[in-house]
Amino acid sequence: WRLGLARGAMELKLFFRQREQVVFTFAFPIVFLFLFASIFGDDMAGT
């Protein structure tokens, strides 16, 4: 458990050091949400 916590801290540090991966990971669903919500943003009748 203790080693797992240390390993997790290292995994997070390595992840956040890779800026391109961080941007892609967090921006990808937001960009897609913006696109689909902008294209299909109408009211859904009766809902």
All heavy atoms as atom14 arrays in JSON, in Angstrom:
{
  "sequence": "WRLGLARGAMELKLFFRQREQVVFTFAFPIVFLFLFASIFGDDMAGT",
  "atom14_mask": [
    [1, 1, 1, 1, 1, 1, 1, 1, 1, 1, 1, 1, 1, 1],
    [1, 1, 1, 1, 1, 1, 1, 1, 1, 1, 1, 0, 0, 0],
    [1, 1, 1, 1, 1, 1, 1, 1, 0, 0, 0, 0, 0, 0],
    [1, 1, 1, 1, 0, 0, 0, 0, 0, 0, 0, 0, 0, 0],
    [1, 1, 1, 1, 1, 1, 1, 1, 0, 0, 0, 0, 0, 0],
    [1, 1, 1, 1, 1, 0, 0, 0, 0, 0, 0, 0, 0, 0],
    [1, 1, 1, 1, 1, 1, 1, 1, 1, 1, 1, 0, 0, 0],
    [1, 1, 1, 1, 0, 0, 0, 0, 0, 0, 0, 0, 0, 0],
    [1, 1, 1, 1, 1, 0, 0, 0, 0, 0, 0, 0, 0, 0],
    [1, 1, 1, 1, 1, 1, 1, 1, 0, 0, 0, 0, 0, 0],
    [1, 1, 1, 1, 1, 1, 1, 1, 1, 0, 0, 0, 0, 0],
    [1, 1, 1, 1, 1, 1, 1, 1, 0, 0, 0, 0, 0, 0],
    [1, 1, 1, 1, 1, 1, 1, 1, 1, 0, 0, 0, 0, 0],
    [1, 1, 1, 1, 1, 1, 1, 1, 0, 0, 0, 0, 0, 0],
    [1, 1, 1, 1, 1, 1, 1, 1, 1, 1, 1, 0, 0, 0],
    [1, 1, 1, 1, 1, 1, 1, 1, 1, 1, 1, 0, 0, 0],
    [1, 1, 1, 1, 1, 1, 1, 1, 1, 1, 1, 0, 0, 0],
    [1, 1, 1, 1, 1, 1, 1, 1, 1, 0, 0, 0, 0, 0],
    [1, 1, 1, 1, 1, 1, 1, 1, 1, 1, 1, 0, 0, 0],
    [1, 1, 1, 1, 1, 1, 1, 1, 1, 0, 0, 0, 0, 0],
    [1, 1, 1, 1, 1, 1, 1, 1, 1, 0, 0, 0, 0, 0],
    [1, 1, 1, 1, 1, 1, 1, 0, 0, 0, 0, 0, 0, 0],
    [1, 1, 1, 1, 1, 1, 1, 0, 0, 0, 0, 0, 0, 0],
    [1, 1, 1, 1, 1, 1, 1, 1, 1, 1, 1, 0, 0, 0],
    [1, 1, 1, 1, 1, 1, 1, 0, 0, 0, 0, 0, 0, 0],
    [1, 1, 1, 1, 1, 1, 1, 1, 1, 1, 1, 0, 0, 0],
    [1, 1, 1, 1, 1, 0, 0, 0, 0, 0, 0, 0, 0, 0],
    [1, 1, 1, 1, 1, 1, 1, 1, 1, 1, 1, 0, 0, 0],
    [1, 1, 1, 1, 1, 1, 1, 0, 0, 0, 0, 0, 0, 0],
    [1, 1, 1, 1, 1, 1, 1, 1, 0, 0, 0, 0, 0, 0],
    [1, 1, 1, 1, 1, 1, 1, 0, 0, 0, 0, 0, 0, 0],
    [1, 1, 1, 1, 1, 1, 1, 1, 1, 1, 1, 0, 0, 0],
    [1, 1, 1, 1, 1, 1, 1, 1, 0, 0, 0, 0, 0, 0],
    [1, 1, 1, 1, 1, 1, 1, 1, 1, 1, 1, 0, 0, 0],
    [1, 1, 1, 1, 1, 1, 1, 1, 0, 0, 0, 0, 0, 0],
    [1, 1, 1, 1, 1, 1, 1, 1, 1, 1, 1, 0, 0, 0],
    [1, 1, 1, 1, 1, 0, 0, 0, 0, 0, 0, 0, 0, 0],
    [1, 1, 1, 1, 1, 1, 0, 0, 0, 0, 0, 0, 0, 0],
    [1, 1, 1, 1, 1, 1, 1, 1, 0, 0, 0, 0, 0, 0],
    [1, 1, 1, 1, 1, 1, 1, 1, 1, 1, 1, 0, 0, 0],
    [1, 1, 1, 1, 0, 0, 0, 0, 0, 0, 0, 0, 0, 0],
    [1, 1, 1, 1, 1, 1, 1, 1, 0, 0, 0, 0, 0, 0],
    [1, 1, 1, 1, 1, 1, 1, 1, 0, 0, 0, 0, 0, 0],
    [1, 1, 1, 1, 1, 1, 1, 1, 0, 0, 0, 0, 0, 0],
    [1, 1, 1, 1, 1, 0, 0, 0, 0, 0, 0, 0, 0, 0],
    [1, 1, 1, 1, 0, 0, 0, 0, 0, 0, 0, 0, 0, 0],
    [1, 1, 1, 1, 1, 1, 1, 0, 0, 0, 0, 0, 0, 0]
  ],
  "atom14_positions": [
    [[0.83, -1.21, 0.0], [0.0, 0.0, 0.0], [0.86, 1.26, 0.0], [0.63, 2.18, -0.78], [-0.91, 0.0, 1.22], [-1.78, 1.22, 1.33], [-1.62, 2.26, 2.2], [-2.91, 1.56, 0.52], [-2.59, 3.21, 2.01], [-3.4, 2.81, 0.98], [-3.56, 0.92, -0.53], [-4.5, 3.44, 0.41], [-4.66, 1.55, -1.1], [-5.13, 2.78, -0.63]],
    [[1.88, 1.27, 0.83], [2.78, 2.43, 0.9], [3.55, 2.59, -0.41], [3.7, 3.7, -0.93], [3.73, 2.27, 2.08], [4.67, 3.46, 2.28], [5.53, 3.22, 3.5], [6.59, 4.24, 3.61], [7.54, 4.19, 4.52], [7.56, 3.2, 5.42], [8.48, 5.12, 4.56], [0.0, 0.0, 0.0], [0.0, 0.0, 0.0], [0.0, 0.0, 0.0]],
    [[4.04, 1.49, -0.94], [4.75, 1.55, -2.22], [3.81, 1.96, -3.35], [4.21, 2.66, -4.28], [5.38, 0.18, -2.53], [6.59, -0.21, -1.69], [6.99, -1.66, -1.97], [7.77, 0.73, -1.97], [0.0, 0.0, 0.0], [0.0, 0.0, 0.0], [0.0, 0.0, 0.0], [0.0, 0.0, 0.0], [0.0, 0.0, 0.0], [0.0, 0.0, 0.0]],
    [[2.54, 1.51, -3.25], [1.56, 1.9, -4.26], [1.3, 3.39, -4.25], [1.15, 4.01, -5.32], [0.0, 0.0, 0.0], [0.0, 0.0, 0.0], [0.0, 0.0, 0.0], [0.0, 0.0, 0.0], [0.0, 0.0, 0.0], [0.0, 0.0, 0.0], [0.0, 0.0, 0.0], [0.0, 0.0, 0.0], [0.0, 0.0, 0.0], [0.0, 0.0, 0.0]],
    [[1.25, 3.99, -3.06], [1.08, 5.45, -2.97], [2.26, 6.18, -3.59], [2.1, 7.16, -4.32], [0.92, 5.85, -1.51], [-0.41, 5.51, -0.82], [-0.34, 5.84, 0.66], [-1.56, 6.26, -1.47], [0.0, 0.0, 0.0], [0.0, 0.0, 0.0], [0.0, 0.0, 0.0], [0.0, 0.0, 0.0], [0.0, 0.0, 0.0], [0.0, 0.0, 0.0]],
    [[3.48, 5.67, -3.29], [4.68, 6.28, -3.86], [4.69, 6.12, -5.38], [5.05, 7.05, -6.11], [5.93, 5.66, -3.25], [0.0, 0.0, 0.0], [0.0, 0.0, 0.0], [0.0, 0.0, 0.0], [0.0, 0.0, 0.0], [0.0, 0.0, 0.0], [0.0, 0.0, 0.0], [0.0, 0.0, 0.0], [0.0, 0.0, 0.0], [0.0, 0.0, 0.0]],
    [[4.3, 4.95, -5.82], [4.25, 4.7, -7.26], [3.2, 5.6, -7.92], [3.4, 6.12, -9.03], [3.92, 3.23, -7.52], [3.85, 2.84, -8.98], [5.2, 2.74, -9.6], [5.11, 2.64, -11.05], [6.15, 2.59, -11.86], [7.37, 2.6, -11.37], [5.98, 2.52, -13.16], [0.0, 0.0, 0.0], [0.0, 0.0, 0.0], [0.0, 0.0, 0.0]],
    [[2.06, 5.78, -7.27], [1.02, 6.65, -7.8], [1.49, 8.08, -7.91], [1.2, 8.77, -8.9], [0.0, 0.0, 0.0], [0.0, 0.0, 0.0], [0.0, 0.0, 0.0], [0.0, 0.0, 0.0], [0.0, 0.0, 0.0], [0.0, 0.0, 0.0], [0.0, 0.0, 0.0], [0.0, 0.0, 0.0], [0.0, 0.0, 0.0], [0.0, 0.0, 0.0]],
    [[2.23, 8.56, -6.89], [2.76, 9.93, -6.94], [3.72, 10.08, -8.12], [3.72, 11.11, -8.81], [3.46, 10.26, -5.63], [0.0, 0.0, 0.0], [0.0, 0.0, 0.0], [0.0, 0.0, 0.0], [0.0, 0.0, 0.0], [0.0, 0.0, 0.0], [0.0, 0.0, 0.0], [0.0, 0.0, 0.0], [0.0, 0.0, 0.0], [0.0, 0.0, 0.0]],
    [[4.52, 9.05, -8.36], [5.46, 9.1, -9.48], [4.72, 9.08, -10.82], [5.07, 9.8, -11.75], [6.43, 7.92, -9.41], [7.56, 8.02, -10.43], [8.49, 6.49, -10.58], [7.31, 5.49, -11.46], [0.0, 0.0, 0.0], [0.0, 0.0, 0.0], [0.0, 0.0, 0.0], [0.0, 0.0, 0.0], [0.0, 0.0, 0.0], [0.0, 0.0, 0.0]],
    [[3.68, 8.25, -10.92], [2.89, 8.18, -12.16], [2.26, 9.54, -12.46], [2.27, 10.0, -13.61], [1.79, 7.12, -12.01], [2.27, 5.68, -11.92], [2.49, 5.05, -13.29], [2.34, 5.75, -14.31], [2.84, 3.86, -13.33], [0.0, 0.0, 0.0], [0.0, 0.0, 0.0], [0.0, 0.0, 0.0], [0.0, 0.0, 0.0], [0.0, 0.0, 0.0]],
    [[1.72, 10.19, -11.43], [1.11, 11.51, -11.62], [2.14, 12.55, -12.02], [1.88, 13.4, -12.88], [0.39, 11.94, -10.35], [-0.92, 11.2, -10.04], [-1.36, 11.46, -8.61], [-2.01, 11.62, -11.02], [0.0, 0.0, 0.0], [0.0, 0.0, 0.0], [0.0, 0.0, 0.0], [0.0, 0.0, 0.0], [0.0, 0.0, 0.0], [0.0, 0.0, 0.0]],
    [[3.32, 12.49, -11.4], [4.37, 13.44, -11.73], [4.8, 13.27, -13.19], [4.96, 14.25, -13.92], [5.56, 13.23, -10.8], [6.67, 14.27, -10.97], [7.82, 14.0, -10.02], [7.38, 14.17, -8.58], [8.53, 14.0, -7.64], [0.0, 0.0, 0.0], [0.0, 0.0, 0.0], [0.0, 0.0, 0.0], [0.0, 0.0, 0.0], [0.0, 0.0, 0.0]],
    [[4.97, 12.02, -13.61], [5.35, 11.76, -15.0], [4.25, 12.22, -15.96], [4.54, 12.76, -17.03], [5.63, 10.27, -15.2], [6.89, 9.72, -14.52], [6.95, 8.2, -14.67], [8.14, 10.35, -15.1], [0.0, 0.0, 0.0], [0.0, 0.0, 0.0], [0.0, 0.0, 0.0], [0.0, 0.0, 0.0], [0.0, 0.0, 0.0], [0.0, 0.0, 0.0]],
    [[3.0, 11.99, -15.58], [1.88, 12.38, -16.44], [1.84, 13.89, -16.64], [1.73, 14.38, -17.77], [0.57, 11.88, -15.83], [-0.66, 12.4, -16.53], [-1.09, 11.84, -17.73], [-1.4, 13.45, -16.0], [-2.21, 12.32, -18.39], [-2.53, 13.94, -16.64], [-2.93, 13.37, -17.84], [0.0, 0.0, 0.0], [0.0, 0.0, 0.0], [0.0, 0.0, 0.0]],
    [[1.93, 14.65, -15.56], [1.81, 16.1, -15.65], [3.05, 16.76, -16.23], [3.01, 17.93, -16.6], [1.46, 16.69, -14.28], [0.04, 16.48, -13.89], [-0.3, 15.56, -12.9], [-0.97, 17.19, -14.51], [-1.62, 15.35, -12.54], [-2.3, 16.99, -14.16], [-2.63, 16.07, -13.17], [0.0, 0.0, 0.0], [0.0, 0.0, 0.0], [0.0, 0.0, 0.0]],
    [[4.13, 16.04, -16.32], [5.32, 16.57, -17.0], [5.17, 16.55, -18.51], [5.85, 17.29, -19.21], [6.56, 15.78, -16.59], [7.13, 16.15, -15.23], [8.35, 15.31, -14.9], [8.93, 15.69, -13.61], [9.94, 15.04, -13.04], [10.48, 14.0, -13.65], [10.42, 15.45, -11.87], [0.0, 0.0, 0.0], [0.0, 0.0, 0.0], [0.0, 0.0, 0.0]],
    [[4.31, 15.68, -19.02], [4.09, 15.58, -20.46], [2.93, 16.52, -20.84], [1.78, 16.12, -20.83], [3.77, 14.13, -20.84], [4.86, 13.16, -20.43], [4.51, 11.71, -20.72], [4.05, 11.38, -21.81], [4.72, 10.85, -19.74], [0.0, 0.0, 0.0], [0.0, 0.0, 0.0], [0.0, 0.0, 0.0], [0.0, 0.0, 0.0], [0.0, 0.0, 0.0]],
    [[3.27, 17.75, -21.13], [2.25, 18.78, -21.32], [1.3, 18.45, -22.47], [0.09, 18.7, -22.37], [2.94, 20.12, -21.56], [3.74, 20.62, -20.36], [4.37, 21.97, -20.63], [5.15, 22.43, -19.48], [5.83, 23.57, -19.45], [5.81, 24.38, -20.52], [6.51, 23.92, -18.38], [0.0, 0.0, 0.0], [0.0, 0.0, 0.0], [0.0, 0.0, 0.0]],
    [[1.84, 17.92, -23.56], [0.98, 17.6, -24.7], [-0.06, 16.56, -24.32], [-1.24, 16.67, -24.68], [1.81, 17.09, -25.89], [2.76, 18.11, -26.47], [4.09, 18.16, -25.73], [4.23, 17.46, -24.7], [4.98, 18.92, -26.16], [0.0, 0.0, 0.0], [0.0, 0.0, 0.0], [0.0, 0.0, 0.0], [0.0, 0.0, 0.0], [0.0, 0.0, 0.0]],
    [[0.36, 15.55, -23.56], [-0.58, 14.51, -23.13], [-1.63, 15.06, -22.18], [-2.81, 14.7, -22.27], [0.18, 13.36, -22.45], [-0.72, 12.21, -22.0], [0.05, 11.1, -21.32], [1.28, 11.15, -21.21], [-0.66, 10.09, -20.85], [0.0, 0.0, 0.0], [0.0, 0.0, 0.0], [0.0, 0.0, 0.0], [0.0, 0.0, 0.0], [0.0, 0.0, 0.0]],
    [[-1.22, 15.95, -21.28], [-2.16, 16.55, -20.34], [-3.21, 17.37, -21.08], [-4.42, 17.25, -20.82], [-1.41, 17.44, -19.33], [-2.39, 18.21, -18.46], [-0.49, 16.6, -18.46], [0.0, 0.0, 0.0], [0.0, 0.0, 0.0], [0.0, 0.0, 0.0], [0.0, 0.0, 0.0], [0.0, 0.0, 0.0], [0.0, 0.0, 0.0], [0.0, 0.0, 0.0]],
    [[-2.75, 18.2, -22.02], [-3.67, 19.02, -22.79], [-4.64, 18.16, -23.59], [-5.86, 18.4, -23.61], [-2.9, 19.97, -23.74], [-3.86, 20.69, -24.69], [-2.11, 20.99, -22.92], [0.0, 0.0, 0.0], [0.0, 0.0, 0.0], [0.0, 0.0, 0.0], [0.0, 0.0, 0.0], [0.0, 0.0, 0.0], [0.0, 0.0, 0.0], [0.0, 0.0, 0.0]],
    [[-4.11, 17.12, -24.24], [-4.97, 16.24, -25.04], [-5.99, 15.52, -24.16], [-7.18, 15.45, -24.49], [-4.13, 15.22, -25.78], [-4.93, 14.25, -26.61], [-5.37, 14.59, -27.87], [-5.27, 12.99, -26.1], [-6.13, 13.71, -28.63], [-6.02, 12.11, -26.85], [-6.45, 12.46, -28.12], [0.0, 0.0, 0.0], [0.0, 0.0, 0.0], [0.0, 0.0, 0.0]],
    [[-5.54, 15.0, -23.02], [-6.42, 14.23, -22.14], [-7.61, 15.05, -21.65], [-8.75, 14.61, -21.68], [-5.63, 13.69, -20.93], [-4.6, 12.81, -21.4], [-6.55, 12.93, -19.98], [0.0, 0.0, 0.0], [0.0, 0.0, 0.0], [0.0, 0.0, 0.0], [0.0, 0.0, 0.0], [0.0, 0.0, 0.0], [0.0, 0.0, 0.0], [0.0, 0.0, 0.0]],
    [[-7.34, 16.29, -21.22], [-8.4, 17.1, -20.63], [-9.16, 17.94, -21.66], [-10.33, 18.25, -21.46], [-7.82, 18.01, -19.54], [-7.31, 17.26, -18.34], [-5.96, 17.24, -18.03], [-8.17, 16.55, -17.53], [-5.49, 16.53, -16.94], [-7.72, 15.84, -16.43], [-6.37, 15.82, -16.13], [0.0, 0.0, 0.0], [0.0, 0.0, 0.0], [0.0, 0.0, 0.0]],
    [[-8.48, 18.3, -22.75], [-9.14, 19.15, -23.74], [-10.0, 18.36, -24.72], [-11.0, 18.87, -25.22], [-8.1, 19.96, -24.51], [0.0, 0.0, 0.0], [0.0, 0.0, 0.0], [0.0, 0.0, 0.0], [0.0, 0.0, 0.0], [0.0, 0.0, 0.0], [0.0, 0.0, 0.0], [0.0, 0.0, 0.0], [0.0, 0.0, 0.0], [0.0, 0.0, 0.0]],
    [[-9.62, 17.11, -24.99], [-10.32, 16.33, -26.02], [-11.82, 16.22, -25.75], [-12.63, 16.56, -26.62], [-9.68, 14.95, -26.14], [-10.28, 14.1, -27.22], [-9.86, 14.24, -28.54], [-11.26, 13.16, -26.94], [-10.4, 13.46, -29.56], [-11.8, 12.38, -27.94], [-11.38, 12.53, -29.26], [0.0, 0.0, 0.0], [0.0, 0.0, 0.0], [0.0, 0.0, 0.0]],
    [[-12.27, 15.76, -24.57], [-13.72, 15.66, -24.34], [-14.41, 17.01, -24.29], [-15.58, 17.13, -24.69], [-13.83, 14.92, -23.0], [-12.54, 15.17, -22.33], [-11.51, 15.26, -23.41], [0.0, 0.0, 0.0], [0.0, 0.0, 0.0], [0.0, 0.0, 0.0], [0.0, 0.0, 0.0], [0.0, 0.0, 0.0], [0.0, 0.0, 0.0], [0.0, 0.0, 0.0]],
    [[-13.71, 18.05, -23.82], [-14.32, 19.37, -23.76], [-14.52, 19.93, -25.17], [-15.57, 20.52, -25.48], [-13.44, 20.33, -22.92], [-13.49, 19.9, -21.45], [-13.91, 21.77, -23.07], [-12.62, 20.74, -20.54], [0.0, 0.0, 0.0], [0.0, 0.0, 0.0], [0.0, 0.0, 0.0], [0.0, 0.0, 0.0], [0.0, 0.0, 0.0], [0.0, 0.0, 0.0]],
    [[-13.54, 19.73, -26.04], [-13.67, 20.2, -27.42], [-14.81, 19.47, -28.12], [-15.63, 20.08, -28.83], [-12.35, 19.99, -28.19], [-12.55, 20.22, -29.69], [-11.27, 20.92, -27.65], [0.0, 0.0, 0.0], [0.0, 0.0, 0.0], [0.0, 0.0, 0.0], [0.0, 0.0, 0.0], [0.0, 0.0, 0.0], [0.0, 0.0, 0.0], [0.0, 0.0, 0.0]],
    [[-14.9, 18.15, -27.92], [-15.97, 17.39, -28.55], [-17.33, 17.78, -27.97], [-18.32, 17.84, -28.71], [-15.73, 15.89, -28.37], [-15.03, 15.26, -29.53], [-13.75, 15.64, -29.88], [-15.66, 14.3, -30.32], [-13.1, 15.09, -30.97], [-15.02, 13.74, -31.4], [-13.74, 14.13, -31.74], [0.0, 0.0, 0.0], [0.0, 0.0, 0.0], [0.0, 0.0, 0.0]],
    [[-17.38, 18.04, -26.69], [-18.62, 18.5, -26.08], [-19.05, 19.82, -26.7], [-20.23, 20.0, -27.06], [-18.44, 18.66, -24.57], [-19.58, 19.37, -23.82], [-20.89, 18.62, -24.01], [-19.22, 19.49, -22.34], [0.0, 0.0, 0.0], [0.0, 0.0, 0.0], [0.0, 0.0, 0.0], [0.0, 0.0, 0.0], [0.0, 0.0, 0.0], [0.0, 0.0, 0.0]],
    [[-18.12, 20.73, -26.86], [-18.44, 22.04, -27.46], [-18.95, 21.87, -28.89], [-19.94, 22.49, -29.29], [-17.2, 22.93, -27.44], [-17.4, 24.24, -28.14], [-18.13, 25.26, -27.54], [-16.88, 24.45, -29.41], [-18.33, 26.47, -28.19], [-17.07, 25.66, -30.06], [-17.79, 26.67, -29.46], [0.0, 0.0, 0.0], [0.0, 0.0, 0.0], [0.0, 0.0, 0.0]],
    [[-18.29, 21.0, -29.66], [-18.69, 20.8, -31.06], [-20.1, 20.2, -31.15], [-20.96, 20.7, -31.88], [-17.68, 19.9, -31.77], [-16.3, 20.51, -32.02], [-15.36, 19.46, -32.61], [-16.4, 21.72, -32.94], [0.0, 0.0, 0.0], [0.0, 0.0, 0.0], [0.0, 0.0, 0.0], [0.0, 0.0, 0.0], [0.0, 0.0, 0.0], [0.0, 0.0, 0.0]],
    [[-20.34, 19.11, -30.42], [-21.64, 18.44, -30.51], [-22.74, 19.3, -29.91], [-23.86, 19.34, -30.44], [-21.58, 17.08, -29.82], [-20.97, 16.0, -30.66], [-19.64, 15.67, -30.53], [-21.72, 15.33, -31.61], [-19.06, 14.68, -31.32], [-21.17, 14.34, -32.4], [-19.83, 14.02, -32.26], [0.0, 0.0, 0.0], [0.0, 0.0, 0.0], [0.0, 0.0, 0.0]],
    [[-22.45, 19.98, -28.81], [-23.47, 20.83, -28.19], [-23.79, 22.02, -29.07], [-24.93, 22.52, -29.07], [-22.99, 21.3, -26.82], [0.0, 0.0, 0.0], [0.0, 0.0, 0.0], [0.0, 0.0, 0.0], [0.0, 0.0, 0.0], [0.0, 0.0, 0.0], [0.0, 0.0, 0.0], [0.0, 0.0, 0.0], [0.0, 0.0, 0.0], [0.0, 0.0, 0.0]],
    [[-22.81, 22.5, -29.84], [-23.05, 23.63, -30.74], [-23.84, 23.2, -31.96], [-24.7, 23.94, -32.46], [-21.72, 24.25, -31.17], [-21.0, 24.74, -30.06], [0.0, 0.0, 0.0], [0.0, 0.0, 0.0], [0.0, 0.0, 0.0], [0.0, 0.0, 0.0], [0.0, 0.0, 0.0], [0.0, 0.0, 0.0], [0.0, 0.0, 0.0], [0.0, 0.0, 0.0]],
    [[-23.57, 21.99, -32.45], [-24.26, 21.5, -33.65], [-25.67, 21.0, -33.33], [-26.62, 21.25, -34.06], [-23.44, 20.39, -34.32], [-22.08, 20.94, -34.78], [-24.18, 19.79, -35.52], [-21.11, 19.87, -35.24], [0.0, 0.0, 0.0], [0.0, 0.0, 0.0], [0.0, 0.0, 0.0], [0.0, 0.0, 0.0], [0.0, 0.0, 0.0], [0.0, 0.0, 0.0]],
    [[-25.78, 20.26, -32.21], [-27.07, 19.65, -31.85], [-27.55, 20.2, -30.51], [-27.79, 19.45, -29.57], [-26.93, 18.13, -31.75], [-26.31, 17.5, -32.96], [-24.99, 17.03, -32.93], [-27.02, 17.35, -34.14], [-24.42, 16.44, -34.04], [-26.46, 16.76, -35.25], [-25.15, 16.31, -35.21], [0.0, 0.0, 0.0], [0.0, 0.0, 0.0], [0.0, 0.0, 0.0]],
    [[-27.68, 21.5, -30.4], [-28.04, 22.11, -29.12], [-29.51, 22.4, -28.93], [-29.89, 23.09, -27.99], [0.0, 0.0, 0.0], [0.0, 0.0, 0.0], [0.0, 0.0, 0.0], [0.0, 0.0, 0.0], [0.0, 0.0, 0.0], [0.0, 0.0, 0.0], [0.0, 0.0, 0.0], [0.0, 0.0, 0.0], [0.0, 0.0, 0.0], [0.0, 0.0, 0.0]],
    [[-30.37, 21.89, -29.81], [-31.8, 22.2, -29.74], [-32.47, 21.51, -28.55], [-31.96, 20.54, -27.98], [-32.49, 21.77, -31.03], [-31.96, 22.52, -32.24], [-31.46, 23.64, -32.06], [-32.04, 21.97, -33.36], [0.0, 0.0, 0.0], [0.0, 0.0, 0.0], [0.0, 0.0, 0.0], [0.0, 0.0, 0.0], [0.0, 0.0, 0.0], [0.0, 0.0, 0.0]],
    [[-33.66, 22.03, -28.21], [-34.47, 21.37, -27.18], [-34.9, 19.99, -27.63], [-35.19, 19.77, -28.81], [-35.71, 22.2, -26.87], [-35.36, 23.52, -26.2], [-34.25, 23.62, -25.64], [-36.2, 24.44, -26.24], [0.0, 0.0, 0.0], [0.0, 0.0, 0.0], [0.0, 0.0, 0.0], [0.0, 0.0, 0.0], [0.0, 0.0, 0.0], [0.0, 0.0, 0.0]],
    [[-34.93, 19.05, -26.69], [-35.45, 17.71, -26.98], [-36.9, 17.68, -26.52], [-37.17, 17.75, -25.31], [-34.6, 16.64, -26.28], [-33.16, 16.61, -26.76], [-32.19, 15.25, -26.07], [-32.16, 15.7, -24.32], [0.0, 0.0, 0.0], [0.0, 0.0, 0.0], [0.0, 0.0, 0.0], [0.0, 0.0, 0.0], [0.0, 0.0, 0.0], [0.0, 0.0, 0.0]],
    [[-37.81, 17.61, -27.47], [-39.24, 17.74, -27.18], [-39.7, 16.78, -26.1], [-39.4, 15.59, -26.15], [-40.04, 17.53, -28.46], [0.0, 0.0, 0.0], [0.0, 0.0, 0.0], [0.0, 0.0, 0.0], [0.0, 0.0, 0.0], [0.0, 0.0, 0.0], [0.0, 0.0, 0.0], [0.0, 0.0, 0.0], [0.0, 0.0, 0.0], [0.0, 0.0, 0.0]],
    [[-40.43, 17.31, -25.13], [-41.04, 16.49, -24.1], [-40.1, 16.0, -23.02], [-40.5, 15.2, -22.17], [0.0, 0.0, 0.0], [0.0, 0.0, 0.0], [0.0, 0.0, 0.0], [0.0, 0.0, 0.0], [0.0, 0.0, 0.0], [0.0, 0.0, 0.0], [0.0, 0.0, 0.0], [0.0, 0.0, 0.0], [0.0, 0.0, 0.0], [0.0, 0.0, 0.0]],
    [[-38.85, 16.48, -23.01], [-37.89, 15.98, -22.02], [-37.5, 17.03, -20.99], [-36.91, 16.7, -19.96], [-36.61, 15.49, -22.72], [-35.95, 16.61, -23.33], [-36.93, 14.44, -23.77], [0.0, 0.0, 0.0], [0.0, 0.0, 0.0], [0.0, 0.0, 0.0], [0.0, 0.0, 0.0], [0.0, 0.0, 0.0], [0.0, 0.0, 0.0], [0.0, 0.0, 0.0]]
  ]
}
